N, C-alpha and C. Protein backbone atom coordinates (compact mmCIF):
# COMPACT_ATOMS: atom_id res chain seq x y z
N MET A 1 0.82 -1.19 0.00
CA MET A 1 0.00 0.00 0.00
C MET A 1 0.87 1.26 0.00
N LYS A 2 1.99 1.24 0.77
CA LYS A 2 2.88 2.39 0.81
C LYS A 2 3.47 2.66 -0.57
N GLN A 3 3.77 1.56 -1.32
CA GLN A 3 4.33 1.72 -2.65
C GLN A 3 3.30 2.39 -3.57
N PHE A 4 2.02 2.02 -3.46
CA PHE A 4 0.97 2.64 -4.26
C PHE A 4 0.87 4.12 -3.93
N ALA A 5 0.93 4.45 -2.64
CA ALA A 5 0.84 5.86 -2.22
C ALA A 5 2.02 6.65 -2.78
N SER A 6 3.23 6.05 -2.78
CA SER A 6 4.40 6.72 -3.34
C SER A 6 4.24 6.96 -4.83
N LEU A 7 3.73 5.97 -5.55
CA LEU A 7 3.52 6.12 -6.99
C LEU A 7 2.45 7.16 -7.28
N ALA A 8 1.40 7.19 -6.46
CA ALA A 8 0.34 8.20 -6.65
C ALA A 8 0.90 9.60 -6.41
N ALA A 9 1.74 9.75 -5.40
CA ALA A 9 2.36 11.05 -5.11
C ALA A 9 3.27 11.47 -6.27
N LEU A 10 4.02 10.51 -6.84
CA LEU A 10 4.87 10.80 -7.98
C LEU A 10 4.03 11.27 -9.16
N ALA A 11 2.95 10.57 -9.45
CA ALA A 11 2.10 10.95 -10.57
C ALA A 11 1.56 12.36 -10.38
N LEU A 12 1.16 12.69 -9.17
CA LEU A 12 0.66 14.03 -8.88
C LEU A 12 1.76 15.07 -9.08
N ALA A 13 2.97 14.78 -8.59
CA ALA A 13 4.07 15.72 -8.72
C ALA A 13 4.45 15.92 -10.17
N LEU A 14 4.51 14.83 -10.95
CA LEU A 14 4.85 14.97 -12.37
C LEU A 14 3.77 15.71 -13.12
N THR A 15 2.51 15.46 -12.78
CA THR A 15 1.41 16.16 -13.41
C THR A 15 1.47 17.64 -13.09
N ALA A 16 1.89 17.96 -11.88
CA ALA A 16 1.89 19.34 -11.42
C ALA A 16 3.11 20.12 -11.89
N CYS A 17 4.13 19.45 -12.37
CA CYS A 17 5.35 20.15 -12.79
C CYS A 17 5.03 20.97 -14.03
N SER A 18 4.69 22.22 -13.77
CA SER A 18 4.27 23.06 -14.88
C SER A 18 5.17 24.26 -14.99
N GLY A 19 4.67 25.37 -15.43
CA GLY A 19 5.46 26.55 -15.74
C GLY A 19 6.38 26.98 -14.61
N ALA A 20 7.35 27.80 -14.95
CA ALA A 20 8.34 28.26 -13.97
C ALA A 20 7.67 28.88 -12.76
N ASP A 21 8.15 28.50 -11.61
CA ASP A 21 7.68 29.03 -10.33
C ASP A 21 6.21 28.76 -10.05
N GLU A 22 5.62 27.75 -10.64
CA GLU A 22 4.25 27.40 -10.31
C GLU A 22 4.28 26.39 -9.17
N PRO A 23 3.42 26.52 -8.17
CA PRO A 23 3.45 25.59 -7.05
C PRO A 23 3.19 24.16 -7.50
N VAL A 24 3.90 23.22 -6.88
CA VAL A 24 3.62 21.82 -7.12
C VAL A 24 2.21 21.55 -6.63
N GLY A 25 1.42 20.93 -7.47
CA GLY A 25 0.04 20.64 -7.10
C GLY A 25 -0.93 21.64 -7.67
N ALA A 26 -0.44 22.75 -8.25
CA ALA A 26 -1.34 23.73 -8.83
C ALA A 26 -1.82 23.26 -10.19
N ALA A 27 -3.03 23.61 -10.54
CA ALA A 27 -3.55 23.26 -11.85
C ALA A 27 -2.93 24.18 -12.87
N GLY A 28 -2.94 23.77 -14.11
CA GLY A 28 -2.45 24.65 -15.15
C GLY A 28 -1.81 23.89 -16.28
N ASP A 29 -1.16 24.61 -17.16
CA ASP A 29 -0.51 24.07 -18.33
C ASP A 29 0.51 23.02 -17.91
N GLN A 30 0.52 21.90 -18.59
CA GLN A 30 1.45 20.82 -18.28
C GLN A 30 2.73 21.00 -19.09
N HIS A 31 3.47 22.00 -18.85
CA HIS A 31 4.73 22.39 -19.48
C HIS A 31 4.51 23.14 -20.78
N GLY A 32 3.30 23.36 -21.19
CA GLY A 32 3.04 24.17 -22.38
C GLY A 32 3.91 23.78 -23.54
N ASP A 33 4.57 24.77 -24.13
CA ASP A 33 5.40 24.53 -25.30
C ASP A 33 6.84 24.18 -24.92
N GLY A 34 7.13 24.08 -23.63
CA GLY A 34 8.46 23.71 -23.17
C GLY A 34 9.48 24.82 -23.29
N LEU A 35 9.07 26.03 -23.60
CA LEU A 35 10.01 27.13 -23.75
C LEU A 35 10.13 27.88 -22.43
N HIS A 36 10.73 27.22 -21.45
CA HIS A 36 10.92 27.83 -20.13
C HIS A 36 12.22 28.61 -20.12
N ALA A 37 12.21 29.74 -19.48
CA ALA A 37 13.46 30.45 -19.24
C ALA A 37 14.19 29.71 -18.12
N MET A 38 15.47 29.53 -18.26
CA MET A 38 16.24 28.86 -17.24
C MET A 38 16.47 29.83 -16.09
N ALA A 39 16.38 29.33 -14.87
CA ALA A 39 16.65 30.17 -13.71
C ALA A 39 18.11 30.58 -13.75
N SER A 40 18.36 31.84 -13.51
CA SER A 40 19.73 32.32 -13.57
C SER A 40 19.87 33.55 -12.69
N ASP A 41 21.00 33.66 -12.06
CA ASP A 41 21.31 34.83 -11.26
C ASP A 41 22.26 35.74 -12.02
N GLY A 42 22.19 35.72 -13.34
CA GLY A 42 23.09 36.52 -14.16
C GLY A 42 24.15 35.63 -14.78
N PRO A 43 25.20 36.25 -15.32
CA PRO A 43 26.24 35.47 -15.99
C PRO A 43 26.94 34.53 -15.01
N MET A 44 27.28 33.37 -15.50
CA MET A 44 27.96 32.39 -14.66
C MET A 44 29.44 32.71 -14.61
N ALA A 45 30.03 32.49 -13.47
CA ALA A 45 31.47 32.70 -13.30
C ALA A 45 32.23 31.68 -14.12
N ALA A 46 33.39 32.07 -14.61
CA ALA A 46 34.24 31.15 -15.36
C ALA A 46 34.70 30.03 -14.43
N LEU A 47 34.81 28.85 -14.99
CA LEU A 47 35.30 27.71 -14.21
C LEU A 47 36.81 27.83 -14.03
N PRO A 48 37.32 27.40 -12.88
CA PRO A 48 38.78 27.38 -12.73
C PRO A 48 39.38 26.40 -13.73
N ASP A 49 40.49 26.77 -14.34
CA ASP A 49 41.14 25.90 -15.34
C ASP A 49 42.48 25.44 -14.81
N ASP A 50 42.57 24.16 -14.49
CA ASP A 50 43.81 23.59 -13.99
C ASP A 50 44.62 22.96 -15.12
N GLY A 51 44.17 23.16 -16.37
CA GLY A 51 44.90 22.61 -17.51
C GLY A 51 44.59 21.15 -17.78
N ILE A 52 43.70 20.55 -16.98
CA ILE A 52 43.33 19.14 -17.14
C ILE A 52 41.90 19.08 -17.65
N THR A 53 41.68 18.33 -18.72
CA THR A 53 40.32 18.13 -19.20
C THR A 53 39.59 17.26 -18.18
N PRO A 54 38.48 17.74 -17.65
CA PRO A 54 37.76 16.97 -16.63
C PRO A 54 37.26 15.63 -17.17
N VAL A 55 37.26 14.66 -16.30
CA VAL A 55 36.64 13.36 -16.58
C VAL A 55 35.52 13.21 -15.56
N VAL A 56 34.30 13.02 -16.07
CA VAL A 56 33.12 12.93 -15.21
C VAL A 56 32.64 11.49 -15.18
N GLU A 57 32.42 10.99 -13.97
CA GLU A 57 31.88 9.64 -13.77
C GLU A 57 30.41 9.76 -13.37
N ILE A 58 29.55 9.06 -14.09
CA ILE A 58 28.12 9.04 -13.81
C ILE A 58 27.79 7.72 -13.11
N SER A 59 27.00 7.80 -12.04
CA SER A 59 26.58 6.59 -11.34
C SER A 59 25.12 6.73 -10.90
N ASP A 60 24.54 5.63 -10.48
CA ASP A 60 23.17 5.60 -9.95
C ASP A 60 22.17 6.29 -10.87
N ALA A 61 22.34 6.14 -12.19
CA ALA A 61 21.42 6.75 -13.14
C ALA A 61 20.16 5.88 -13.26
N TRP A 62 19.02 6.53 -13.05
CA TRP A 62 17.76 5.80 -13.16
C TRP A 62 16.65 6.73 -13.62
N ILE A 63 15.63 6.14 -14.17
CA ILE A 63 14.49 6.88 -14.68
C ILE A 63 13.23 6.16 -14.22
N ARG A 64 12.23 6.92 -13.85
CA ARG A 64 10.98 6.31 -13.38
C ARG A 64 10.16 5.80 -14.56
N PRO A 65 9.43 4.69 -14.35
CA PRO A 65 8.46 4.27 -15.37
C PRO A 65 7.44 5.40 -15.54
N HIS A 66 6.82 5.49 -16.69
CA HIS A 66 5.85 6.56 -16.93
C HIS A 66 4.62 6.40 -16.04
N PRO A 67 4.18 7.52 -15.44
CA PRO A 67 2.88 7.48 -14.77
C PRO A 67 1.82 7.21 -15.83
N GLN A 68 0.82 6.44 -15.49
CA GLN A 68 -0.20 6.05 -16.46
C GLN A 68 -0.81 7.26 -17.16
N GLY A 69 -0.84 7.21 -18.49
CA GLY A 69 -1.47 8.25 -19.27
C GLY A 69 -0.62 9.49 -19.51
N ARG A 70 0.64 9.50 -19.08
CA ARG A 70 1.50 10.68 -19.23
C ARG A 70 2.68 10.35 -20.14
N ASP A 71 3.18 11.35 -20.85
CA ASP A 71 4.38 11.15 -21.67
C ASP A 71 5.57 11.92 -21.08
N VAL A 72 5.51 12.14 -19.78
CA VAL A 72 6.60 12.81 -19.08
C VAL A 72 6.98 11.96 -17.87
N THR A 73 8.28 11.90 -17.60
CA THR A 73 8.76 11.18 -16.43
C THR A 73 10.00 11.90 -15.92
N ALA A 74 10.57 11.39 -14.86
CA ALA A 74 11.74 12.03 -14.25
C ALA A 74 12.92 11.06 -14.24
N ALA A 75 14.12 11.62 -14.39
CA ALA A 75 15.35 10.83 -14.37
C ALA A 75 16.31 11.46 -13.36
N TYR A 76 17.18 10.61 -12.82
CA TYR A 76 18.08 11.01 -11.74
C TYR A 76 19.45 10.39 -11.96
N PHE A 77 20.48 10.93 -11.31
CA PHE A 77 21.84 10.41 -11.43
C PHE A 77 22.73 11.08 -10.40
N SER A 78 23.93 10.56 -10.26
CA SER A 78 24.99 11.20 -9.49
C SER A 78 26.18 11.36 -10.43
N ALA A 79 26.94 12.43 -10.24
CA ALA A 79 28.14 12.67 -11.05
C ALA A 79 29.25 13.17 -10.14
N ARG A 80 30.47 12.79 -10.49
CA ARG A 80 31.63 13.29 -9.77
C ARG A 80 32.80 13.36 -10.74
N LEU A 81 33.73 14.24 -10.43
CA LEU A 81 34.94 14.35 -11.24
C LEU A 81 35.95 13.30 -10.79
N THR A 82 36.48 12.53 -11.74
CA THR A 82 37.57 11.61 -11.40
C THR A 82 38.90 12.20 -11.83
N ASP A 83 38.84 13.28 -12.61
CA ASP A 83 40.04 14.01 -13.01
C ASP A 83 39.62 15.45 -13.30
N GLY A 84 40.48 16.38 -12.99
CA GLY A 84 40.16 17.79 -13.21
C GLY A 84 39.59 18.43 -11.97
N GLN A 85 39.48 19.75 -12.02
CA GLN A 85 39.10 20.54 -10.86
C GLN A 85 37.65 20.99 -10.87
N ALA A 86 37.09 21.25 -12.08
CA ALA A 86 35.73 21.78 -12.13
C ALA A 86 35.13 21.57 -13.52
N ASP A 87 33.82 21.43 -13.55
CA ASP A 87 33.08 21.37 -14.80
C ASP A 87 31.67 21.87 -14.53
N ARG A 88 30.88 21.96 -15.58
CA ARG A 88 29.53 22.50 -15.45
C ARG A 88 28.59 21.69 -16.33
N LEU A 89 27.52 21.15 -15.72
CA LEU A 89 26.49 20.45 -16.47
C LEU A 89 25.64 21.49 -17.19
N LEU A 90 25.59 21.41 -18.51
CA LEU A 90 24.85 22.37 -19.32
C LEU A 90 23.47 21.87 -19.71
N SER A 91 23.38 20.58 -20.05
CA SER A 91 22.11 20.03 -20.52
C SER A 91 22.18 18.51 -20.50
N ALA A 92 21.07 17.90 -20.89
CA ALA A 92 20.99 16.44 -20.96
C ALA A 92 20.11 16.05 -22.14
N ARG A 93 20.39 14.87 -22.68
CA ARG A 93 19.54 14.29 -23.72
C ARG A 93 19.27 12.84 -23.35
N ILE A 94 18.07 12.38 -23.64
CA ILE A 94 17.70 10.98 -23.45
C ILE A 94 17.28 10.48 -24.83
N ASP A 95 17.87 9.37 -25.27
CA ASP A 95 17.54 8.83 -26.59
C ASP A 95 16.04 8.55 -26.69
N GLY A 96 15.42 9.08 -27.73
CA GLY A 96 14.00 8.88 -27.97
C GLY A 96 13.10 9.93 -27.35
N ALA A 97 13.63 10.79 -26.51
CA ALA A 97 12.81 11.83 -25.87
C ALA A 97 12.75 13.06 -26.77
N GLU A 98 11.61 13.76 -26.74
CA GLU A 98 11.48 15.01 -27.48
C GLU A 98 12.37 16.08 -26.87
N ARG A 99 12.41 16.14 -25.54
CA ARG A 99 13.25 17.12 -24.85
C ARG A 99 13.48 16.68 -23.41
N VAL A 100 14.55 17.21 -22.85
CA VAL A 100 14.89 16.96 -21.44
C VAL A 100 15.20 18.31 -20.82
N GLU A 101 14.60 18.58 -19.67
CA GLU A 101 14.81 19.84 -18.96
C GLU A 101 15.38 19.54 -17.58
N MET A 102 16.30 20.38 -17.13
CA MET A 102 16.81 20.27 -15.76
C MET A 102 15.86 21.07 -14.87
N HIS A 103 15.36 20.44 -13.81
CA HIS A 103 14.42 21.07 -12.89
C HIS A 103 14.94 20.95 -11.46
N GLY A 104 14.43 21.81 -10.61
CA GLY A 104 14.75 21.76 -9.19
C GLY A 104 13.53 22.08 -8.36
N HIS A 105 13.59 21.77 -7.08
CA HIS A 105 12.54 22.10 -6.12
C HIS A 105 13.05 23.17 -5.18
N SER A 106 12.18 24.04 -4.78
CA SER A 106 12.52 25.01 -3.75
C SER A 106 11.26 25.35 -2.96
N MET A 107 11.46 25.83 -1.76
CA MET A 107 10.35 26.20 -0.89
C MET A 107 10.18 27.72 -0.99
N ASP A 108 8.92 28.16 -1.21
CA ASP A 108 8.69 29.60 -1.28
C ASP A 108 8.40 30.16 0.10
N GLU A 109 8.17 31.47 0.16
CA GLU A 109 7.96 32.12 1.46
C GLU A 109 6.69 31.66 2.17
N GLN A 110 5.73 31.11 1.44
CA GLN A 110 4.51 30.60 2.06
C GLN A 110 4.63 29.11 2.44
N GLY A 111 5.82 28.54 2.27
CA GLY A 111 6.02 27.15 2.62
C GLY A 111 5.52 26.18 1.56
N MET A 112 5.29 26.68 0.34
CA MET A 112 4.81 25.85 -0.76
C MET A 112 6.00 25.35 -1.57
N MET A 113 6.03 24.06 -1.86
CA MET A 113 7.10 23.50 -2.67
C MET A 113 6.85 23.87 -4.13
N ARG A 114 7.90 24.39 -4.80
CA ARG A 114 7.78 24.78 -6.21
C ARG A 114 8.81 24.03 -7.04
N MET A 115 8.39 23.67 -8.23
CA MET A 115 9.27 22.99 -9.17
C MET A 115 9.46 23.92 -10.36
N ARG A 116 10.73 24.13 -10.78
CA ARG A 116 10.97 25.03 -11.90
C ARG A 116 12.24 24.63 -12.62
N PRO A 117 12.36 25.06 -13.87
CA PRO A 117 13.61 24.80 -14.60
C PRO A 117 14.79 25.48 -13.91
N ILE A 118 15.93 24.85 -13.99
CA ILE A 118 17.15 25.42 -13.43
C ILE A 118 18.18 25.55 -14.54
N GLY A 119 19.15 26.38 -14.33
CA GLY A 119 20.23 26.59 -15.29
C GLY A 119 21.37 25.61 -15.06
N PRO A 120 22.47 25.84 -15.74
CA PRO A 120 23.66 24.98 -15.61
C PRO A 120 24.07 24.80 -14.15
N GLN A 121 24.60 23.61 -13.86
CA GLN A 121 24.98 23.25 -12.50
C GLN A 121 26.48 22.96 -12.43
N ASP A 122 27.17 23.61 -11.49
CA ASP A 122 28.61 23.42 -11.34
C ASP A 122 28.92 22.13 -10.60
N LEU A 123 30.00 21.49 -11.05
CA LEU A 123 30.53 20.29 -10.41
C LEU A 123 31.99 20.57 -10.09
N MET A 124 32.30 20.62 -8.80
CA MET A 124 33.65 20.93 -8.37
C MET A 124 34.32 19.65 -7.87
N GLY A 125 35.65 19.58 -8.04
CA GLY A 125 36.41 18.43 -7.58
C GLY A 125 36.15 18.15 -6.12
N GLY A 126 35.97 16.90 -5.76
CA GLY A 126 35.69 16.52 -4.38
C GLY A 126 34.21 16.51 -4.05
N ASP A 127 33.38 17.17 -4.84
CA ASP A 127 31.94 17.19 -4.60
C ASP A 127 31.24 16.15 -5.47
N ARG A 128 30.04 15.82 -5.08
CA ARG A 128 29.19 14.93 -5.88
C ARG A 128 27.96 15.73 -6.27
N MET A 129 27.63 15.71 -7.55
CA MET A 129 26.40 16.32 -8.04
C MET A 129 25.33 15.23 -7.99
N VAL A 130 24.24 15.52 -7.27
CA VAL A 130 23.19 14.52 -7.12
C VAL A 130 21.88 15.09 -7.64
N PHE A 131 21.30 14.42 -8.60
CA PHE A 131 19.95 14.71 -9.08
C PHE A 131 19.10 13.57 -8.52
N ALA A 132 18.18 13.90 -7.60
CA ALA A 132 17.44 12.89 -6.85
C ALA A 132 16.01 13.36 -6.61
N PRO A 133 15.10 12.43 -6.27
CA PRO A 133 13.72 12.83 -5.96
C PRO A 133 13.70 13.94 -4.90
N ARG A 134 12.78 14.87 -5.05
CA ARG A 134 12.60 16.04 -4.18
C ARG A 134 13.77 17.01 -4.24
N GLY A 135 14.60 16.88 -5.25
CA GLY A 135 15.72 17.80 -5.47
C GLY A 135 15.84 18.07 -6.95
N ASN A 136 17.04 18.36 -7.39
CA ASN A 136 17.25 18.54 -8.83
C ASN A 136 16.97 17.23 -9.54
N HIS A 137 16.41 17.33 -10.73
CA HIS A 137 16.07 16.14 -11.52
C HIS A 137 15.96 16.53 -12.98
N LEU A 138 15.90 15.51 -13.83
CA LEU A 138 15.68 15.73 -15.25
C LEU A 138 14.22 15.42 -15.56
N MET A 139 13.52 16.35 -16.19
CA MET A 139 12.16 16.09 -16.66
C MET A 139 12.30 15.64 -18.11
N VAL A 140 11.79 14.44 -18.39
CA VAL A 140 11.94 13.81 -19.70
C VAL A 140 10.57 13.83 -20.38
N HIS A 141 10.49 14.52 -21.52
CA HIS A 141 9.23 14.72 -22.24
C HIS A 141 9.23 13.94 -23.55
N GLY A 142 8.07 13.36 -23.88
CA GLY A 142 7.88 12.76 -25.20
C GLY A 142 8.62 11.46 -25.43
N LEU A 143 9.01 10.78 -24.38
CA LEU A 143 9.67 9.48 -24.50
C LEU A 143 8.59 8.41 -24.54
N ALA A 144 8.71 7.45 -25.46
CA ALA A 144 7.77 6.33 -25.48
C ALA A 144 7.79 5.68 -24.10
N PRO A 145 6.65 5.10 -23.68
CA PRO A 145 6.61 4.51 -22.33
C PRO A 145 7.77 3.54 -22.08
N VAL A 146 8.34 3.66 -20.90
CA VAL A 146 9.39 2.75 -20.45
C VAL A 146 8.87 2.00 -19.24
N PHE A 147 9.37 0.79 -19.06
CA PHE A 147 8.84 -0.09 -18.03
C PHE A 147 9.95 -0.60 -17.13
N GLU A 148 9.58 -0.90 -15.90
CA GLU A 148 10.51 -1.43 -14.91
C GLU A 148 11.38 -2.52 -15.55
N GLY A 149 12.70 -2.39 -15.39
CA GLY A 149 13.63 -3.36 -15.93
C GLY A 149 14.25 -2.94 -17.26
N ASP A 150 13.66 -1.96 -17.95
CA ASP A 150 14.23 -1.46 -19.21
C ASP A 150 15.49 -0.65 -18.92
N GLN A 151 16.25 -0.37 -19.95
CA GLN A 151 17.42 0.52 -19.89
C GLN A 151 17.20 1.62 -20.93
N VAL A 152 17.55 2.84 -20.58
CA VAL A 152 17.42 3.98 -21.48
C VAL A 152 18.78 4.66 -21.54
N THR A 153 19.24 4.97 -22.74
CA THR A 153 20.54 5.62 -22.88
C THR A 153 20.36 7.12 -23.07
N GLY A 154 21.38 7.85 -22.69
CA GLY A 154 21.34 9.30 -22.84
C GLY A 154 22.73 9.88 -22.74
N VAL A 155 22.78 11.20 -22.71
CA VAL A 155 24.04 11.93 -22.66
C VAL A 155 23.86 13.12 -21.72
N LEU A 156 24.83 13.33 -20.85
CA LEU A 156 24.89 14.54 -20.03
C LEU A 156 25.97 15.41 -20.67
N VAL A 157 25.63 16.66 -20.95
CA VAL A 157 26.55 17.55 -21.67
C VAL A 157 27.19 18.52 -20.68
N PHE A 158 28.52 18.41 -20.56
CA PHE A 158 29.29 19.25 -19.65
C PHE A 158 30.08 20.28 -20.45
N GLU A 159 30.33 21.42 -19.84
CA GLU A 159 31.03 22.51 -20.50
C GLU A 159 32.42 22.11 -20.96
N ARG A 160 33.17 21.42 -20.12
CA ARG A 160 34.56 21.09 -20.44
C ARG A 160 34.75 19.63 -20.82
N ALA A 161 34.05 18.71 -20.17
CA ALA A 161 34.21 17.28 -20.48
C ALA A 161 33.45 16.88 -21.74
N GLY A 162 32.51 17.73 -22.17
CA GLY A 162 31.73 17.41 -23.37
C GLY A 162 30.59 16.44 -23.05
N GLU A 163 30.29 15.59 -24.00
CA GLU A 163 29.18 14.65 -23.86
C GLU A 163 29.62 13.41 -23.09
N VAL A 164 28.93 13.14 -21.99
CA VAL A 164 29.24 11.99 -21.15
C VAL A 164 28.05 11.03 -21.24
N PRO A 165 28.27 9.82 -21.79
CA PRO A 165 27.16 8.87 -21.91
C PRO A 165 26.64 8.43 -20.55
N ALA A 166 25.36 8.15 -20.50
CA ALA A 166 24.73 7.65 -19.27
C ALA A 166 23.69 6.60 -19.65
N GLU A 167 23.63 5.56 -18.86
CA GLU A 167 22.61 4.53 -19.05
C GLU A 167 21.71 4.54 -17.82
N PHE A 168 20.42 4.81 -18.06
CA PHE A 168 19.44 4.94 -16.99
C PHE A 168 18.64 3.65 -16.86
N SER A 169 18.65 3.07 -15.66
CA SER A 169 17.82 1.89 -15.38
C SER A 169 16.42 2.36 -15.07
N VAL A 170 15.43 1.70 -15.66
CA VAL A 170 14.04 2.07 -15.39
C VAL A 170 13.61 1.33 -14.13
N GLN A 171 13.28 2.11 -13.09
CA GLN A 171 12.85 1.53 -11.82
C GLN A 171 12.02 2.54 -11.06
N ALA A 172 11.12 2.04 -10.25
CA ALA A 172 10.20 2.91 -9.50
C ALA A 172 10.86 3.51 -8.26
N MET A 173 11.89 2.87 -7.75
CA MET A 173 12.56 3.31 -6.53
C MET A 173 14.03 3.59 -6.82
N PRO A 174 14.67 4.48 -6.05
CA PRO A 174 16.09 4.77 -6.25
C PRO A 174 16.95 3.51 -6.10
N PRO A 175 18.10 3.47 -6.78
CA PRO A 175 19.01 2.32 -6.63
C PRO A 175 19.35 2.10 -5.16
N GLY A 176 19.32 0.85 -4.76
CA GLY A 176 19.68 0.50 -3.39
C GLY A 176 18.58 0.63 -2.37
N SER A 177 17.41 1.19 -2.77
CA SER A 177 16.33 1.31 -1.80
C SER A 177 15.52 0.02 -1.76
N VAL A 178 14.88 -0.20 -0.65
CA VAL A 178 14.08 -1.40 -0.45
C VAL A 178 12.62 -0.99 -0.46
N SER A 179 11.82 -1.63 -1.31
CA SER A 179 10.40 -1.28 -1.33
C SER A 179 9.71 -1.87 -0.12
N GLU A 180 8.73 -1.13 0.37
CA GLU A 180 7.95 -1.59 1.54
C GLU A 180 6.60 -2.06 1.03
N ASP A 181 6.37 -3.35 1.09
CA ASP A 181 5.09 -3.90 0.61
C ASP A 181 4.04 -3.90 1.66
């Protein structure tokens, strides 16, 4: 029963992920034409250059099965530098998807959780970039339905490392979690 409740909450959250700064759970356009302005605090600072081309390792990449009746789902991953000092995630692509957007959650002044597109994300040496449920994530639009146990390939595009391949396991729960029946 808890698993059903979790899936129902996911379906509601994915359905509610609409225009920039719209509260999760609010009615409205379901991403409209997908032309969201990326959140930005102005120009991004230049990355430190240590003369080493960064090498990015992707792990724990997974994508949720499609909520029934929807052509949008969410994907998650972890990334870390195995060489180099800094890089920046610019975008992502999932094979077969119409588009992929980077999104994040934040709490507004009224205590309402909001989901909105985010801009490029910095990855510094020694840190781990985590895209996970209730945090930063990839919204995947227009992908044919995927099912538990499938594999989906994609690419994470970094400013300095370039295109880094990623293989996303289709599963309802994060890697390593135990479902509660």
